[in-house]
Protein backbone atom coordinates (compact mmCIF):
# COMPACT_ATOMS: atom_id res chain seq x y z
CA UNK A 1 23.93 -4.31 -11.04
CA UNK A 2 25.28 -4.79 -7.55
CA UNK A 3 23.05 -2.95 -4.99
CA UNK A 4 24.80 -2.60 -1.70
CA UNK A 5 21.84 -0.91 0.06
CA UNK A 6 19.65 -3.20 1.91
CA UNK A 7 15.99 -2.77 1.59
CA UNK A 8 14.15 -1.51 4.66
CA UNK A 9 11.87 -3.88 6.31
CA UNK A 10 8.19 -3.49 5.15
CA UNK A 11 6.07 -1.91 8.09
CA UNK A 12 2.69 -3.42 9.15
CA UNK A 13 0.78 -0.39 8.04
CA UNK A 14 1.79 1.81 4.87
CA UNK A 15 -0.02 4.43 2.87
CA UNK A 16 0.63 5.78 -0.45
CA UNK A 17 -0.56 9.14 0.37
CA UNK A 18 2.18 11.63 1.55
CA UNK A 19 -0.29 13.42 3.80
CA UNK A 20 -0.72 10.27 5.77
CA UNK A 21 1.06 9.66 9.03
CA UNK A 22 1.62 5.97 7.72
CA UNK A 23 3.54 7.17 4.74
CA UNK A 24 7.26 6.19 4.62
CA UNK A 25 9.29 7.69 1.69
CA UNK A 26 12.21 5.44 1.98
CA UNK A 27 10.15 2.25 1.05
CA UNK A 28 8.82 3.74 -2.19
CA UNK A 29 12.24 3.99 -3.64
CA UNK A 30 11.73 0.19 -4.21
CA UNK A 31 9.02 -1.61 -6.00
CA UNK A 32 6.73 -3.32 -3.60
CA UNK A 33 3.66 -5.69 -4.20
CA UNK A 34 0.55 -6.19 -2.22
CA UNK A 35 -1.17 -9.71 -2.29
CA UNK A 36 -4.76 -9.79 -1.02
CA UNK A 37 -6.13 -13.45 -0.68
CA UNK A 38 -3.45 -14.70 -2.67
CA UNK A 39 -3.98 -12.36 -5.66
CA UNK A 40 -1.68 -9.48 -6.43
CA UNK A 41 -3.27 -6.17 -6.44
CA UNK A 42 -1.83 -3.14 -8.32
CA UNK A 43 -4.37 -0.47 -7.10
CA UNK A 44 -3.60 -0.50 -3.42
CA UNK A 45 -3.35 3.07 -1.66
CA UNK A 46 -2.93 1.69 1.87
CA UNK A 47 -2.78 -1.56 3.87
CA UNK A 48 -2.54 -2.97 7.13
CA UNK A 49 -1.31 -6.58 7.69
CA UNK A 50 -2.26 -7.19 11.11
CA UNK A 51 -5.76 -6.01 10.75
CA UNK A 52 -6.07 -7.83 7.35
CA UNK A 53 -7.39 -4.99 5.02
CA UNK A 54 -6.29 -2.84 1.92
CA UNK A 55 -7.92 0.35 0.69
CA UNK A 56 -8.31 0.92 -2.95
CA UNK A 57 -9.81 3.90 -4.92
CA UNK A 58 -13.60 3.47 -5.70
CA UNK A 59 -13.30 4.20 -9.33
CA UNK A 60 -14.14 7.81 -10.51
CA UNK A 61 -15.62 8.98 -7.17
CA UNK A 62 -13.84 11.82 -5.54
CA UNK A 63 -14.30 13.57 -2.12
CA UNK A 64 -14.64 17.35 -1.71
CA UNK A 65 -10.90 17.86 -1.74
CA UNK A 66 -10.51 16.18 -4.93
CA UNK A 67 -8.96 12.81 -3.35
CA UNK A 68 -10.37 9.45 -4.54
CA UNK A 69 -12.90 7.91 -2.36
CA UNK A 70 -11.47 4.61 -0.68
CA UNK A 71 -13.09 1.26 -0.43
CA UNK A 72 -11.77 -1.08 2.20
CA UNK A 73 -11.35 -4.72 1.16
CA UNK A 74 -10.71 -7.38 3.98
CA UNK A 75 -8.82 -10.55 3.92
CA UNK A 76 -5.30 -11.90 4.06
CA UNK A 77 -2.78 -9.24 3.26
CA UNK A 78 0.99 -9.87 2.25
CA UNK A 79 3.54 -7.18 1.44
CA UNK A 80 6.76 -7.97 -0.44
CA UNK A 81 9.48 -6.38 -2.52
CA UNK A 82 9.36 -7.06 -6.32
């Protein structure tokens, strides 16, 4: 399949939550991957490459609005298209 569309450049900070100011809908049309300290993570909700952190859900814990609580993991962050 010939895809004539070019993929947009991945931003320094990106969130999967549509209510976040760091959510960019055009990027989620493509499959993206996140590596933290050399290991690919599949549960990342938000990342920041320059500050070196990712946010992942903390198991079954929810806040008062029903959104999952986030844990911040620090390390070397790489974002890429699959």
